[in-house]
Amino acid sequence: MQHFTHDGFDLAFVDRAADGEPAEAVLLIHGFASNHFTNWVSPGWMKTLSDAGYRSIAFDNRGHGESSKSYNPADYTPQRMASDAAALLDHLGIETAHVMGYSMGARIAAFLALAEPQRVATLVFGGLGIGMVDGVGDWDPIADALTAPDPALTTHPRGKAFRTFADQTKSDRRALAACISTSRELLSEDELARIAQPTLIAIGTRDDIGGSASELAALMPNAVAFDIEGRDHMLAVGDKSFKARVLKFLGEHPL
């Protein structure tokens, strides 16, 4: 792991260069309660991208993984989290990159594209479709589950699932509870219409969180939808068909 500092946070990242650099960079932004390893290393994304000739860069969002934590919800707005992604590109001297985010990471990628469109060549939104506009349901029980003193007291199905996931990733649950309260800011249809970069939106057909990929794609001027067959929100991220579709998409839109 390497580290850099931005906005008062020490942020951890990995930078895996392909053979024969210079290579096109792909910036990977993980989802809520996850980290760079769980989202991108373990499912084979960084190897897949490097083997295909890309420079893959993944970091731990503030409040996650090996990056420093805050218990102040104001630190976790999508705008501030997107500014970390831009600062990492600055730190590495990368002017423009492909940007791929999963779930919360997709929302952060969208805010990055709106704030600094010149930095974002293409976008991949995984695990988050029209929920980016309409919302992804009631997540207050998840915050309650994360801070419950005894996980056995948690009965809400989604809350229980994320409490288990947070414990598996050895996350700071208090930081995650702060993050979840402010990181779900919605985008308007007008804002989505301003994102002109080529965009791939990929959702599992059994995903009950992200919402429709095709409905979100219809709001954007240059977006396509892809169904990850038979996968739910947690399992879609490592799907082989998803990887193949992303490589095809990146090949169609070189820097």
Protein backbone atom coordinates (compact mmCIF):
# COMPACT_ATOMS: atom_id res chain seq x y z
CA MET A 1 0.00 0.00 0.00
CA GLN A 2 1.00 3.57 -0.69
CA HIS A 3 -0.44 6.62 1.05
CA PHE A 4 -1.17 10.27 0.32
CA THR A 5 -2.87 13.04 2.27
CA HIS A 6 -5.92 15.02 1.23
CA ASP A 7 -8.52 17.09 3.11
CA GLY A 8 -7.11 15.97 6.44
CA PHE A 9 -7.25 12.25 5.61
CA ASP A 10 -4.46 9.77 5.12
CA LEU A 11 -5.63 7.74 2.13
CA ALA A 12 -4.25 4.33 1.20
CA PHE A 13 -4.02 3.12 -2.39
CA VAL A 14 -2.46 0.54 -4.69
CA ASP A 15 -1.14 1.31 -8.16
CA ARG A 16 -0.58 -1.68 -10.40
CA ALA A 17 1.10 -0.81 -13.68
CA ALA A 18 0.78 -3.07 -16.69
CA ASP A 19 3.84 -4.22 -18.56
CA GLY A 20 4.98 -1.81 -21.21
CA GLU A 21 3.89 1.45 -19.66
CA PRO A 22 2.66 4.06 -20.40
CA ALA A 23 -0.77 2.48 -20.11
CA GLU A 24 -4.28 3.85 -19.86
CA ALA A 25 -5.24 4.30 -16.21
CA VAL A 26 -8.40 2.87 -14.65
CA LEU A 27 -9.33 4.38 -11.29
CA LEU A 28 -11.38 1.98 -9.16
CA ILE A 29 -13.71 3.27 -6.41
CA HIS A 30 -15.14 0.69 -4.03
CA GLY A 31 -18.53 0.46 -2.38
CA PHE A 32 -19.86 1.12 1.09
CA ALA A 33 -18.36 -0.98 3.91
CA SER A 34 -15.89 -2.50 1.46
CA ASN A 35 -12.28 -1.62 0.65
CA HIS A 36 -9.89 -1.79 -2.28
CA PHE A 37 -8.97 -5.41 -1.58
CA THR A 38 -12.47 -6.80 -1.14
CA ASN A 39 -13.90 -4.97 -4.15
CA TRP A 40 -11.03 -5.03 -6.63
CA VAL A 41 -8.16 -7.34 -5.65
CA SER A 42 -9.93 -10.41 -4.30
CA PRO A 43 -12.49 -10.62 -7.18
CA GLY A 44 -9.63 -10.37 -9.69
CA TRP A 45 -10.35 -6.96 -11.17
CA MET A 46 -6.84 -5.56 -10.80
CA LYS A 47 -5.31 -8.66 -12.36
CA THR A 48 -7.90 -8.64 -15.16
CA LEU A 49 -7.18 -5.01 -15.99
CA SER A 50 -3.40 -5.36 -15.72
CA ASP A 51 -3.41 -8.48 -17.89
CA ALA A 52 -5.39 -6.51 -20.47
CA GLY A 53 -2.73 -3.78 -20.53
CA TYR A 54 -4.30 -1.20 -18.22
CA ARG A 55 -2.81 0.58 -15.23
CA SER A 56 -5.21 -0.20 -12.38
CA ILE A 57 -5.40 2.10 -9.36
CA ALA A 58 -7.60 1.42 -6.34
CA PHE A 59 -7.85 3.26 -3.05
CA ASP A 60 -9.61 2.91 0.27
CA ASN A 61 -12.27 5.59 0.60
CA ARG A 62 -12.08 7.77 3.70
CA GLY A 63 -13.56 5.88 6.62
CA HIS A 64 -12.77 2.53 5.00
CA GLY A 65 -9.94 0.02 4.89
CA GLU A 66 -6.51 1.39 5.73
CA SER A 67 -7.48 5.03 5.15
CA SER A 68 -8.06 7.23 8.17
CA LYS A 69 -11.49 7.51 9.78
CA SER A 70 -13.84 10.25 10.85
CA TYR A 71 -17.01 10.06 12.91
CA ASN A 72 -18.36 13.32 11.49
CA PRO A 73 -21.05 12.70 8.84
CA ALA A 74 -20.13 15.98 7.12
CA ASP A 75 -16.87 14.37 5.99
CA TYR A 76 -18.67 11.76 3.88
CA THR A 77 -20.64 13.70 1.31
CA PRO A 78 -20.19 12.37 -2.25
CA GLN A 79 -18.59 15.68 -3.23
CA ARG A 80 -15.85 15.36 -0.62
CA MET A 81 -15.29 11.70 -1.35
CA ALA A 82 -15.06 12.47 -5.08
CA SER A 83 -12.47 15.12 -4.29
CA ASP A 84 -10.29 12.35 -2.79
CA ALA A 85 -10.41 10.52 -6.13
CA ALA A 86 -9.40 13.67 -8.01
CA ALA A 87 -6.61 14.31 -5.50
CA LEU A 88 -5.26 10.80 -6.08
CA LEU A 89 -5.10 11.45 -9.82
CA ASP A 90 -3.25 14.68 -9.04
CA HIS A 91 -0.89 12.83 -6.70
CA LEU A 92 -0.05 10.35 -9.46
CA GLY A 93 0.20 13.00 -12.18
CA ILE A 94 -2.67 11.49 -14.19
CA GLU A 95 -4.61 14.02 -16.22
CA THR A 96 -7.38 11.73 -17.49
CA ALA A 97 -8.49 8.23 -16.53
CA HIS A 98 -11.23 5.69 -16.98
CA VAL A 99 -13.23 5.65 -13.75
CA MET A 100 -15.11 2.63 -12.43
CA GLY A 101 -17.15 2.59 -9.25
CA TYR A 102 -19.27 -0.05 -7.57
CA SER A 103 -22.40 0.83 -5.55
CA MET A 104 -21.42 3.85 -3.41
CA GLY A 105 -18.31 4.04 -5.58
CA ALA A 106 -20.51 4.51 -8.65
CA ARG A 107 -22.19 7.48 -6.99
CA ILE A 108 -18.78 8.94 -6.12
CA ALA A 109 -17.68 8.43 -9.74
CA ALA A 110 -20.74 10.31 -10.97
CA PHE A 111 -20.02 13.24 -8.66
CA LEU A 112 -16.40 13.22 -9.86
CA ALA A 113 -17.55 13.35 -13.49
CA LEU A 114 -19.76 16.33 -12.72
CA ALA A 115 -17.12 18.21 -10.71
CA GLU A 116 -14.14 17.53 -12.98
CA PRO A 117 -15.37 16.20 -16.32
CA GLN A 118 -11.99 16.75 -17.97
CA ARG A 119 -10.45 14.15 -15.64
CA VAL A 120 -12.92 11.39 -16.51
CA ALA A 121 -12.64 9.73 -19.92
CA THR A 122 -15.23 6.99 -19.41
CA LEU A 123 -17.37 5.70 -16.57
CA VAL A 124 -18.46 2.30 -15.36
CA PHE A 125 -21.28 2.27 -12.81
CA GLY A 126 -21.57 -1.15 -11.19
CA GLY A 127 -24.29 -2.06 -8.73
CA LEU A 128 -26.10 1.29 -8.92
CA GLY A 129 -28.66 2.20 -11.56
CA ILE A 130 -31.74 4.39 -11.25
CA GLY A 131 -31.24 4.24 -7.49
CA MET A 132 -28.71 7.02 -8.10
CA VAL A 133 -31.76 9.24 -8.78
CA ASP A 134 -34.64 7.58 -6.94
CA GLY A 135 -32.78 6.31 -3.89
CA VAL A 136 -31.92 2.83 -2.70
CA GLY A 137 -34.50 2.34 0.04
CA ASP A 138 -34.44 2.90 3.77
CA TRP A 139 -30.87 2.58 5.01
CA ASP A 140 -31.43 3.96 8.51
CA PRO A 141 -31.77 0.38 9.86
CA ILE A 142 -28.30 -0.30 8.44
CA ALA A 143 -26.81 2.51 10.52
CA ASP A 144 -28.62 1.11 13.56
CA ALA A 145 -27.30 -2.39 12.80
CA LEU A 146 -23.75 -1.09 12.45
CA THR A 147 -23.81 0.55 15.88
CA ALA A 148 -25.79 -2.13 17.73
CA PRO A 149 -23.75 -3.46 20.68
CA ASP A 150 -24.82 -7.01 19.89
CA PRO A 151 -25.27 -8.18 16.28
CA ALA A 152 -27.84 -10.70 17.49
CA LEU A 153 -30.16 -7.77 18.23
CA THR A 154 -30.30 -6.90 14.52
CA THR A 155 -33.35 -8.32 12.75
CA HIS A 156 -33.60 -6.06 9.68
CA PRO A 157 -32.43 -8.28 6.76
CA ARG A 158 -30.39 -5.64 4.94
CA GLY A 159 -29.03 -4.26 8.19
CA LYS A 160 -28.00 -7.73 9.27
CA ALA A 161 -26.28 -8.38 5.93
CA PHE A 162 -24.25 -5.16 6.07
CA ARG A 163 -23.37 -5.68 9.74
CA THR A 164 -22.02 -9.10 8.83
CA PHE A 165 -20.16 -7.67 5.81
CA ALA A 166 -18.65 -4.86 7.91
CA ASP A 167 -17.43 -7.38 10.46
CA GLN A 168 -15.98 -9.59 7.73
CA THR A 169 -14.02 -6.65 6.31
CA LYS A 170 -12.93 -5.63 9.84
CA SER A 171 -14.38 -2.17 9.27
CA ASP A 172 -14.74 0.64 11.76
CA ARG A 173 -18.51 0.41 12.16
CA ARG A 174 -18.85 3.81 13.83
CA ALA A 175 -17.16 5.45 10.83
CA LEU A 176 -19.44 3.52 8.46
CA ALA A 177 -22.52 4.69 10.36
CA ALA A 178 -21.36 8.28 9.89
CA CYS A 179 -20.66 7.62 6.22
CA ILE A 180 -24.02 6.09 5.43
CA SER A 181 -25.92 9.09 6.77
CA THR A 182 -24.52 11.54 4.19
CA SER A 183 -23.01 9.54 1.32
CA ARG A 184 -26.39 8.69 -0.28
CA GLU A 185 -27.05 12.13 -1.75
CA LEU A 186 -29.15 11.76 -4.88
CA LEU A 187 -28.49 13.18 -8.32
CA SER A 188 -31.21 14.86 -10.35
CA GLU A 189 -32.19 13.83 -13.85
CA ASP A 190 -30.73 17.11 -15.12
CA GLU A 191 -27.40 16.36 -13.46
CA LEU A 192 -27.28 12.88 -14.98
CA ALA A 193 -28.03 14.38 -18.38
CA ARG A 194 -24.89 16.51 -18.03
CA ILE A 195 -22.64 13.44 -17.75
CA ALA A 196 -21.60 13.07 -21.38
CA GLN A 197 -18.76 10.57 -21.04
CA PRO A 198 -19.30 7.10 -22.48
CA THR A 199 -20.81 5.15 -19.58
CA LEU A 200 -21.48 1.48 -18.93
CA ILE A 201 -24.10 0.72 -16.26
CA ALA A 202 -24.04 -2.87 -15.02
CA ILE A 203 -26.46 -4.34 -12.47
CA GLY A 204 -27.09 -7.91 -11.35
CA THR A 205 -30.49 -9.27 -12.35
CA ARG A 206 -31.05 -10.30 -8.71
CA ASP A 207 -29.81 -6.98 -7.27
CA ASP A 208 -32.50 -5.51 -5.01
CA ILE A 209 -30.49 -2.39 -4.13
CA GLY A 210 -29.15 -0.62 -7.22
CA GLY A 211 -32.29 -0.26 -9.33
CA SER A 212 -32.64 -0.48 -13.10
CA ALA A 213 -29.57 -0.02 -15.28
CA SER A 214 -31.62 0.72 -18.39
CA GLU A 215 -33.68 3.42 -16.68
CA LEU A 216 -30.54 5.25 -15.62
CA ALA A 217 -28.95 4.81 -19.06
CA ALA A 218 -32.03 6.40 -20.63
CA LEU A 219 -31.33 9.61 -18.69
CA MET A 220 -27.77 9.92 -19.96
CA PRO A 221 -26.63 10.98 -23.45
CA ASN A 222 -23.98 8.31 -23.96
CA ALA A 223 -24.75 5.38 -21.66
CA VAL A 224 -25.45 1.69 -22.19
CA ALA A 225 -26.90 -0.88 -19.79
CA PHE A 226 -25.68 -4.40 -19.09
CA ASP A 227 -27.48 -7.08 -17.08
CA ILE A 228 -25.24 -9.30 -14.98
CA GLU A 229 -27.28 -12.47 -15.15
CA GLY A 230 -28.19 -14.31 -11.98
CA ARG A 231 -26.18 -12.09 -9.64
CA ASP A 232 -27.25 -10.12 -6.58
CA HIS A 233 -25.66 -6.93 -5.27
CA MET A 234 -22.87 -8.69 -3.40
CA LEU A 235 -21.95 -11.29 -6.03
CA ALA A 236 -22.20 -9.22 -9.21
CA VAL A 237 -18.91 -7.41 -8.64
CA GLY A 238 -16.72 -10.42 -9.46
CA ASP A 239 -18.79 -11.87 -12.28
CA LYS A 240 -16.83 -13.04 -15.35
CA SER A 241 -19.36 -11.66 -17.82
CA PHE A 242 -19.12 -8.27 -16.09
CA LYS A 243 -15.34 -8.27 -16.48
CA ALA A 244 -15.59 -9.24 -20.14
CA ARG A 245 -18.14 -6.49 -20.83
CA VAL A 246 -16.00 -3.87 -19.10
CA LEU A 247 -12.92 -4.84 -21.12
CA LYS A 248 -14.96 -4.64 -24.33
CA PHE A 249 -16.30 -1.22 -23.28
CA LEU A 250 -12.84 0.14 -22.45
CA GLY A 251 -11.50 -1.17 -25.74
CA GLU A 252 -14.27 0.67 -27.59
CA HIS A 253 -13.37 3.96 -25.89
CA PRO A 254 -9.57 4.34 -25.70
CA LEU A 255 -8.04 7.45 -24.20
